[in-house]
Protein backbone atom coordinates (compact mmCIF):
# COMPACT_ATOMS: atom_id res chain seq x y z
CA UNK A 1 -26.46 -12.58 13.69
CA UNK A 2 -22.59 -12.87 13.71
CA UNK A 3 -20.86 -12.73 10.33
CA UNK A 4 -17.49 -13.41 8.89
CA UNK A 5 -15.20 -10.95 7.08
CA UNK A 6 -11.96 -11.73 5.22
CA UNK A 7 -9.01 -9.69 3.91
CA UNK A 8 -5.72 -10.81 2.23
CA UNK A 9 -2.26 -9.53 1.71
CA UNK A 10 0.59 -10.47 -0.50
CA UNK A 11 4.36 -10.28 0.03
CA UNK A 12 7.01 -8.07 -1.43
CA UNK A 13 8.05 -11.05 -3.58
CA UNK A 14 4.57 -11.50 -5.13
CA UNK A 15 4.84 -10.74 -8.86
CA UNK A 16 2.32 -7.87 -8.75
CA UNK A 17 4.22 -6.31 -5.80
CA UNK A 18 7.65 -6.64 -7.54
CA UNK A 19 5.99 -4.63 -10.34
CA UNK A 20 4.66 -2.03 -7.87
CA UNK A 21 8.06 -1.61 -6.10
CA UNK A 22 9.89 -1.14 -9.41
CA UNK A 23 7.33 1.39 -10.53
CA UNK A 24 7.48 3.32 -7.25
CA UNK A 25 11.33 3.19 -7.19
CA UNK A 26 11.40 4.96 -10.55
CA UNK A 27 9.01 7.55 -9.15
CA UNK A 28 11.25 8.15 -6.22
CA UNK A 29 14.34 8.55 -8.37
CA UNK A 30 12.58 10.89 -10.69
CA UNK A 31 11.33 13.09 -7.85
CA UNK A 32 14.67 13.04 -6.11
CA UNK A 33 16.37 14.65 -8.91
CA UNK A 34 13.44 16.69 -10.37
CA UNK A 35 10.62 17.23 -7.79
CA UNK A 36 8.38 18.56 -10.54
CA UNK A 37 8.56 15.26 -12.60
CA UNK A 38 5.24 13.97 -14.11
CA UNK A 39 5.41 10.22 -14.29
CA UNK A 40 3.00 7.37 -14.99
CA UNK A 41 5.03 4.23 -15.35
CA UNK A 42 3.85 0.56 -15.50
CA UNK A 43 5.91 -2.62 -14.96
CA UNK A 44 5.50 -6.16 -16.17
CA UNK A 45 7.44 -9.02 -14.80
CA UNK A 46 7.56 -12.55 -16.11
CA UNK A 47 10.07 -15.44 -16.42
CA UNK A 48 13.46 -13.74 -16.75
CA UNK A 49 12.08 -10.53 -18.10
CA UNK A 50 10.95 -6.96 -16.87
CA UNK A 51 9.14 -4.58 -19.23
CA UNK A 52 8.88 -0.87 -18.28
CA UNK A 53 6.26 1.31 -20.02
CA UNK A 54 4.77 4.70 -19.41
CA UNK A 55 4.96 8.38 -19.82
CA UNK A 56 7.39 10.84 -18.18
CA UNK A 57 8.01 14.65 -18.26
CA UNK A 58 11.22 15.35 -16.40
CA UNK A 59 14.45 17.22 -16.40
CA UNK A 60 16.41 14.31 -15.31
CA UNK A 61 17.58 11.09 -16.86
CA UNK A 62 17.70 7.72 -15.11
CA UNK A 63 19.20 4.34 -15.70
CA UNK A 64 15.94 2.65 -15.39
CA UNK A 65 17.26 -0.81 -16.01
CA UNK A 66 19.75 -0.65 -13.04
CA UNK A 67 16.96 0.79 -10.69
CA UNK A 68 14.75 -2.18 -11.61
CA UNK A 69 17.54 -4.64 -11.01
CA UNK A 70 18.40 -3.07 -7.63
CA UNK A 71 14.77 -3.56 -6.51
CA UNK A 72 14.61 -7.13 -7.57
CA UNK A 73 17.69 -7.99 -5.66
CA UNK A 74 16.62 -6.20 -2.56
CA UNK A 75 13.32 -8.17 -2.54
CA UNK A 76 15.44 -11.45 -2.67
CA UNK A 77 15.29 -12.70 -6.28
CA UNK A 78 19.09 -13.30 -6.49
CA UNK A 79 19.29 -17.00 -7.64
CA UNK A 80 19.13 -18.51 -11.11
CA UNK A 81 17.03 -21.31 -9.90
CA UNK A 82 14.17 -18.82 -9.22
CA UNK A 83 14.07 -18.38 -13.03
CA UNK A 84 13.91 -14.63 -12.33
CA UNK A 85 17.15 -13.01 -10.94
CA UNK A 86 17.89 -9.32 -10.64
CA UNK A 87 21.34 -9.73 -12.03
CA UNK A 88 20.50 -11.66 -15.09
CA UNK A 89 16.90 -10.90 -16.14
CA UNK A 90 16.29 -8.85 -19.19
CA UNK A 91 14.94 -5.34 -18.66
CA UNK A 92 13.24 -3.58 -21.61
CA UNK A 93 12.20 0.01 -21.35
CA UNK A 94 9.45 1.56 -23.38
CA UNK A 95 9.01 4.81 -21.40
CA UNK A 96 8.31 7.90 -23.45
CA UNK A 97 7.37 11.53 -23.01
CA UNK A 98 4.13 12.53 -21.41
CA UNK A 99 1.28 13.69 -23.75
CA UNK A 100 1.19 17.59 -23.91
CA UNK A 101 -2.62 17.31 -24.11
CA UNK A 102 -2.63 15.89 -20.54
CA UNK A 103 0.13 18.21 -19.29
CA UNK A 104 -1.70 21.42 -20.31
CA UNK A 105 -4.67 20.41 -18.24
CA UNK A 106 -2.53 19.99 -15.17
CA UNK A 107 -0.03 22.68 -15.11
CA UNK A 108 -1.08 26.29 -14.45
CA UNK A 109 0.68 29.64 -14.20
CA UNK A 110 -0.64 29.85 -10.68
CA UNK A 111 0.47 26.57 -9.01
CA UNK A 112 -2.43 26.55 -6.63
CA UNK A 113 -4.83 26.21 -9.62
CA UNK A 114 -3.04 23.11 -10.71
CA UNK A 115 -5.72 20.78 -12.41
CA UNK A 116 -6.42 17.29 -11.32
CA UNK A 117 -4.46 14.78 -13.51
CA UNK A 118 -7.56 12.70 -14.33
CA UNK A 119 -11.24 12.44 -13.48
CA UNK A 120 -12.40 9.83 -11.02
CA UNK A 121 -13.40 9.24 -7.41
CA UNK A 122 -11.11 8.30 -4.39
CA UNK A 123 -11.96 6.90 -1.09
CA UNK A 124 -10.41 7.05 2.38
CA UNK A 125 -11.45 4.91 5.29
CA UNK A 126 -10.69 4.52 9.13
CA UNK A 127 -12.04 2.44 11.88
CA UNK A 128 -11.45 2.36 15.55
CA UNK A 129 -10.83 -1.47 15.25
CA UNK A 130 -7.08 -1.27 15.64
CA UNK A 131 -4.48 1.05 16.96
CA UNK A 132 -3.59 2.27 13.48
CA UNK A 133 -7.25 2.68 12.50
CA UNK A 134 -7.21 -0.06 9.97
CA UNK A 135 -9.45 -3.06 9.52
CA UNK A 136 -8.33 -5.92 11.70
CA UNK A 137 -8.23 -8.81 9.04
CA UNK A 138 -6.10 -6.70 6.71
CA UNK A 139 -3.80 -5.55 9.52
CA UNK A 140 -3.02 -9.05 10.75
CA UNK A 141 -2.57 -10.23 7.13
CA UNK A 142 0.08 -7.59 6.49
CA UNK A 143 1.77 -8.39 9.70
CA UNK A 144 1.93 -12.08 8.95
CA UNK A 145 3.80 -11.37 5.63
CA UNK A 146 6.11 -8.67 6.92
CA UNK A 147 7.19 -10.95 9.75
CA UNK A 148 7.51 -13.94 7.29
CA UNK A 149 9.93 -11.77 5.13
CA UNK A 150 11.89 -10.88 8.21
CA UNK A 151 12.28 -14.47 9.16
CA UNK A 152 13.26 -15.28 5.51
CA UNK A 153 16.22 -12.74 5.80
CA UNK A 154 17.24 -14.03 9.23
CA UNK A 155 18.14 -17.35 7.52
CA UNK A 156 18.49 -19.11 10.76
CA UNK A 157 14.72 -18.98 11.53
CA UNK A 158 13.34 -20.69 8.44
CA UNK A 159 15.96 -21.41 5.85
CA UNK A 160 13.88 -22.78 3.00
CA UNK A 161 11.67 -19.72 2.45
CA UNK A 162 11.53 -18.01 -0.97
CA UNK A 163 10.24 -14.60 -1.60
CA UNK A 164 6.68 -15.13 -2.92
CA UNK A 165 3.87 -15.56 -0.37
CA UNK A 166 0.16 -14.74 0.44
CA UNK A 167 -1.86 -14.42 3.67
CA UNK A 168 -5.57 -14.32 4.35
CA UNK A 169 -7.43 -13.84 7.65
CA UNK A 170 -11.14 -14.26 8.32
CA UNK A 171 -12.59 -12.56 11.40
CA UNK A 172 -15.87 -13.47 13.13
CA UNK A 173 -17.90 -10.30 14.07
CA UNK A 174 -20.69 -9.82 16.50
CA UNK A 175 -24.14 -8.14 15.53
CA UNK A 176 -22.78 -4.81 16.67
CA UNK A 177 -19.59 -5.11 14.46
CA UNK A 178 -17.05 -6.06 17.25
CA UNK A 179 -14.42 -8.67 16.40
CA UNK A 180 -15.04 -11.86 18.41
CA UNK A 181 -12.31 -14.28 17.17
CA UNK A 182 -10.19 -15.23 14.32
CA UNK A 183 -12.02 -17.93 12.35
CA UNK A 184 -9.28 -18.91 9.83
CA UNK A 185 -5.76 -17.92 8.61
CA UNK A 186 -4.43 -18.94 5.17
CA UNK A 187 -0.71 -18.78 4.40
CA UNK A 188 0.83 -19.88 1.22
CA UNK A 189 4.59 -19.41 1.00
CA UNK A 190 7.05 -20.26 -1.78
CA UNK A 191 9.78 -22.64 -0.62
CA UNK A 192 12.91 -24.57 -1.71
CA UNK A 193 12.62 -28.20 -2.92
CA UNK A 194 12.27 -30.84 -0.28
CA UNK A 195 13.12 -34.51 -0.66
CA UNK A 196 9.71 -35.73 0.57
CA UNK A 197 6.51 -33.80 0.07
CA UNK A 198 4.63 -35.00 3.06
CA UNK A 199 7.43 -34.15 5.41
CA UNK A 200 7.75 -30.75 3.67
CA UNK A 201 4.12 -29.83 4.24
CA UNK A 202 4.29 -30.84 7.95
CA UNK A 203 7.47 -28.80 8.45
CA UNK A 204 6.05 -25.68 6.83
CA UNK A 205 2.78 -26.02 8.73
CA UNK A 206 4.52 -26.47 12.03
CA UNK A 207 6.86 -23.51 11.38
CA UNK A 208 3.99 -21.17 10.45
CA UNK A 209 1.88 -22.05 13.41
CA UNK A 210 4.70 -22.42 16.05
CA UNK A 211 7.13 -19.86 14.89
CA UNK A 212 5.49 -17.17 12.73
CA UNK A 213 2.09 -16.81 14.59
CA UNK A 214 3.62 -16.18 17.98
CA UNK A 215 5.82 -13.50 16.55
CA UNK A 216 2.98 -11.67 15.12
CA UNK A 217 0.82 -12.10 18.26
CA UNK A 218 3.62 -10.37 20.22
CA UNK A 219 3.12 -7.23 18.21
CA UNK A 220 -0.53 -6.95 18.99
CA UNK A 221 -2.61 -5.65 22.04
CA UNK A 222 -3.76 -8.05 24.59
CA UNK A 223 -7.33 -7.52 23.34
CA UNK A 224 -6.39 -8.72 19.84
CA UNK A 225 -4.12 -11.37 21.15
CA UNK A 226 -7.19 -12.84 22.74
CA UNK A 227 -8.80 -13.45 19.37
CA UNK A 228 -6.13 -16.07 18.62
CA UNK A 229 -7.86 -19.14 20.03
CA UNK A 230 -7.23 -22.85 19.62
CA UNK A 231 -10.34 -22.90 17.32
CA UNK A 232 -8.59 -21.20 14.36
CA UNK A 233 -8.73 -23.17 11.06
CA UNK A 234 -5.30 -23.08 9.43
CA UNK A 235 -4.73 -23.65 5.66
CA UNK A 236 -0.95 -23.67 5.11
CA UNK A 237 0.12 -24.12 1.62
CA UNK A 238 -3.25 -25.75 0.81
CA UNK A 239 -2.37 -26.74 -2.74
CA UNK A 240 0.76 -28.55 -1.42
CA UNK A 241 4.06 -27.98 -3.18
CA UNK A 242 4.95 -24.28 -3.92
CA UNK A 243 8.44 -24.21 -5.36
CA UNK A 244 7.67 -22.51 -8.62
CA UNK A 245 6.64 -18.93 -7.77
CA UNK A 246 7.43 -15.23 -8.29
CA UNK A 247 7.41 -14.00 -11.85
CA UNK A 248 8.23 -17.51 -13.06
CA UNK A 249 5.04 -18.76 -11.68
CA UNK A 250 2.77 -15.81 -12.53
CA UNK A 251 3.05 -12.70 -14.55
CA UNK A 252 3.12 -9.49 -12.44
CA UNK A 253 1.63 -6.07 -13.36
CA UNK A 254 1.75 -2.69 -11.58
CA UNK A 255 -1.62 -1.82 -9.89
CA UNK A 256 -3.24 -5.22 -9.64
CA UNK A 257 -3.42 -5.24 -5.78
CA UNK A 258 -5.41 -2.20 -5.21
CA UNK A 259 -7.48 -3.72 -2.31
CA UNK A 260 -4.35 -5.08 -0.66
CA UNK A 261 -2.93 -1.52 -0.91
CA UNK A 262 -6.00 0.04 0.76
CA UNK A 263 -8.53 -1.49 3.21
CA UNK A 264 -8.84 -5.13 2.43
CA UNK A 265 -12.43 -4.82 1.05
CA UNK A 266 -13.77 -2.57 3.86
CA UNK A 267 -14.88 0.93 3.10
CA UNK A 268 -14.76 1.41 -0.80
CA UNK A 269 -12.35 1.95 -3.57
CA UNK A 270 -12.58 4.26 -6.54
CA UNK A 271 -10.66 1.86 -8.91
CA UNK A 272 -7.41 3.83 -9.50
CA UNK A 273 -4.14 2.23 -8.64
CA UNK A 274 -1.36 4.07 -6.86
CA UNK A 275 2.08 2.83 -7.77
CA UNK A 276 3.95 4.36 -10.63
CA UNK A 277 2.08 7.72 -10.42
CA UNK A 278 3.39 10.96 -9.36
CA UNK A 279 1.28 12.99 -7.00
CA UNK A 280 -0.41 15.25 -9.66
CA UNK A 281 -2.46 11.95 -10.40
CA UNK A 282 -5.32 12.28 -7.79
CA UNK A 283 -5.84 8.48 -7.89
CA UNK A 284 -2.88 8.50 -5.56
CA UNK A 285 -2.70 11.92 -3.86
CA UNK A 286 -6.46 12.28 -3.16
CA UNK A 287 -6.61 8.64 -1.80
CA UNK A 288 -3.97 9.52 0.64
CA UNK A 289 -5.73 12.87 1.49
CA UNK A 290 -9.09 11.18 2.13
CA UNK A 291 -7.37 8.50 4.46
CA UNK A 292 -5.69 11.52 6.18
CA UNK A 293 -9.18 13.02 6.83
CA UNK A 294 -10.94 9.80 7.82
CA UNK A 295 -8.26 8.88 10.24
CA UNK A 296 -8.16 12.28 11.94
CA UNK A 297 -12.03 12.21 12.15
CA UNK A 298 -12.10 8.82 13.94
CA UNK A 299 -9.15 9.88 16.26
CA UNK A 300 -10.88 13.09 17.22
CA UNK A 301 -13.79 11.06 18.36
CA UNK A 302 -16.19 12.30 15.75
CA UNK A 303 -17.14 8.68 14.73
CA UNK A 304 -16.01 5.13 15.28
CA UNK A 305 -15.95 4.36 11.52
CA UNK A 306 -15.71 6.85 8.55
CA UNK A 307 -15.65 6.61 4.83
CA UNK A 308 -14.67 9.83 2.82
CA UNK A 309 -15.11 10.19 -0.90
CA UNK A 310 -13.73 12.97 -3.05
CA UNK A 311 -14.24 13.32 -6.92
CA UNK A 312 -12.49 15.33 -9.67
CA UNK A 313 -12.72 16.39 -13.26
CA UNK A 314 -9.53 16.28 -15.29
CA UNK A 315 -7.75 19.61 -15.46
CA UNK A 316 -10.05 21.19 -12.81
CA UNK A 317 -8.59 22.11 -9.36
CA UNK A 318 -11.77 22.20 -7.20
CA UNK A 319 -13.12 18.75 -6.51
CA UNK A 320 -16.62 17.86 -7.51
CA UNK A 321 -17.59 17.25 -3.89
CA UNK A 322 -16.81 15.59 -0.69
CA UNK A 323 -18.98 12.72 0.81
CA UNK A 324 -18.90 11.25 4.21
CA UNK A 325 -20.45 8.05 5.57
CA UNK A 326 -20.11 7.49 9.32
CA UNK A 327 -22.05 4.30 9.25
CA UNK A 328 -24.39 5.50 11.98
CA UNK A 329 -21.45 5.80 14.47
CA UNK A 330 -21.20 9.65 14.45
CA UNK A 331 -20.91 11.24 18.03
CA UNK A 332 -22.27 14.67 17.07
CA UNK A 333 -25.88 15.75 16.43
CA UNK A 334 -25.37 16.28 12.61
CA UNK A 335 -26.20 14.08 9.68
CA UNK A 336 -23.45 12.90 7.31
CA UNK A 337 -24.10 15.59 4.79
CA UNK A 338 -23.68 18.40 7.38
CA UNK A 339 -20.53 16.64 8.59
CA UNK A 340 -19.09 16.64 4.96
CA UNK A 341 -19.73 20.42 4.68
CA UNK A 342 -17.67 21.13 7.77
CA UNK A 343 -14.88 18.73 6.75
CA UNK A 344 -14.75 20.57 3.31
CA UNK A 345 -14.15 23.81 5.15
CA UNK A 346 -11.15 22.30 7.05
CA UNK A 347 -9.32 20.52 4.34
CA UNK A 348 -8.32 22.10 1.06
CA UNK A 349 -8.71 19.31 -1.48
CA UNK A 350 -7.27 20.96 -4.54
CA UNK A 351 -4.35 18.82 -5.86
CA UNK A 352 -1.69 21.45 -5.23
CA UNK A 353 -2.95 21.97 -1.68
CA UNK A 354 -2.75 18.23 -1.10
CA UNK A 355 0.74 17.83 -2.43
CA UNK A 356 1.84 20.68 -0.09
CA UNK A 357 0.03 19.52 2.99
CA UNK A 358 1.22 15.92 2.75
CA UNK A 359 4.71 16.68 1.30
CA UNK A 360 4.01 14.43 -1.68
CA UNK A 361 6.64 15.92 -4.07
CA UNK A 362 9.34 13.89 -2.22
CA UNK A 363 10.89 10.40 -2.89
CA UNK A 364 8.59 8.58 -0.43
CA UNK A 365 6.84 6.00 -2.50
CA UNK A 366 8.86 2.68 -2.74
CA UNK A 367 8.09 2.13 0.83
CA UNK A 368 4.38 2.22 0.19
CA UNK A 369 4.56 -0.45 -2.49
CA UNK A 370 4.41 -3.46 -0.27
CA UNK A 371 2.32 -4.24 2.81
CA UNK A 372 -0.20 -1.53 2.27
CA UNK A 373 -0.19 2.26 1.64
CA UNK A 374 -2.27 2.85 4.70
CA UNK A 375 -1.88 2.23 8.42
CA UNK A 376 1.84 2.60 8.18
CA UNK A 377 4.20 4.44 10.46
CA UNK A 378 4.98 8.03 9.90
CA UNK A 379 8.79 8.69 10.21
CA UNK A 380 11.56 10.60 8.73
CA UNK A 381 14.29 8.64 6.95
CA UNK A 382 17.44 9.42 5.04
CA UNK A 383 17.53 8.12 1.42
CA UNK A 384 20.39 8.32 -1.14
CA UNK A 385 19.81 8.13 -4.90
CA UNK A 386 22.36 7.84 -7.76
CA UNK A 387 22.15 9.14 -11.23
CA UNK A 388 23.54 7.29 -14.33
CA UNK A 389 26.99 9.16 -13.89
CA UNK A 390 26.98 7.92 -10.25
CA UNK A 391 26.59 11.43 -8.71
CA UNK A 392 24.29 11.15 -5.68
CA UNK A 393 21.76 13.02 -3.72
CA UNK A 394 20.87 12.44 -0.09
CA UNK A 395 17.61 13.64 1.31
CA UNK A 396 15.71 13.46 4.58
CA UNK A 397 12.12 12.63 3.72
CA UNK A 398 9.02 12.12 5.68
CA UNK A 399 7.20 8.75 4.99
CA UNK A 400 3.43 8.16 5.33
CA UNK A 401 2.46 11.86 6.12
CA UNK A 402 -1.17 10.90 5.55
CA UNK A 403 -1.02 8.83 8.72
CA UNK A 404 -0.20 11.83 11.00
CA UNK A 405 -2.86 12.81 13.42
CA UNK A 406 -2.20 16.58 12.94
CA UNK A 407 -5.83 17.66 12.36
CA UNK A 408 -7.45 16.13 15.49
CA UNK A 409 -7.54 19.45 17.39
CA UNK A 410 -8.95 21.46 14.36
CA UNK A 411 -11.77 18.81 13.93
CA UNK A 412 -12.61 18.76 17.65
CA UNK A 413 -12.86 22.56 17.59
CA UNK A 414 -14.96 22.62 14.44
CA UNK A 415 -17.39 20.01 15.80
CA UNK A 416 -17.17 21.19 19.54
CA UNK A 417 -16.06 17.69 20.70
């Protein structure tokens, strides 16, 4: 029987995502000046206020208030009428030194024996549903909001847009799990004041359907474009007026959008957030590593859909174990347990090995903090960071290394594909 599946995304101007981006910008600055920094920082944003808290062990000193303001301004909160403005909001720092009790469990004389920063389980997922091996509903949701942000910055496209927005996409699937059509699209976007509410709602709905949707469709393959039929149910700003938004409308916290950050409800999630954590925290690094494994498995033709789990004990380098679920789509004559054993022999999942393999001790994290950590484009970019005395460091860094298909040949060889 056909079924419906829904995923959502939120924009870079959503309060929780503002918090994630500030926390990850702090991570990037710490790692730029001291790659061995150990950081766990949380951010809270509300009307006119930013509060930073967390634990740090680093040889560098940062102007964390200025970093937070730069992120807020980049996102687009630059007007007093938003009741949250990067130039005038208060920024309070309560960041302090990391507990030596935790640090002694992570650092070792032999770096390769670096222990996991915490216990827990992490999941990676991949599916052949899209070209970037991501679930379709989430991929379209992210694209809608990225394009909406681009249109906001163009000014001439839709001049009334404000930074806060959300999108949600519902896909109808067939019995054999193949997308058949888009059933519904929900878009809620913050906007400037209008003189007349009914005209406002009509204008926003028209712009979303006639301007935004075609721009997103143009990015997609013909097969996925065909899912956009005239039978889609659109809910555009369904509550009506949405002028009050951002941190003035809702308090934002780091780590509250972990499903948006990963697979939109597909696969599984171990519960740990990513943003604000340096790569010694396996919540982050092992989630990237399992995505890397799952994506390379699907790309190698081992299965059409894969879930990979890894688990750790705090202070212990070797993981508790690796679990694989191919959802019955495996193309080899092995059960999932046998597949997991072979995968374990290919990928070293000790925390230090993950950091080295994926180049995680680089300032690569602010880019992850909006529109998903997975399914993104692997690329090399040049970034410049400034210290409080305005000395700078410029680095070429590789983003989204866990999206590389660099283990496909090894997997094919191991499984005789």
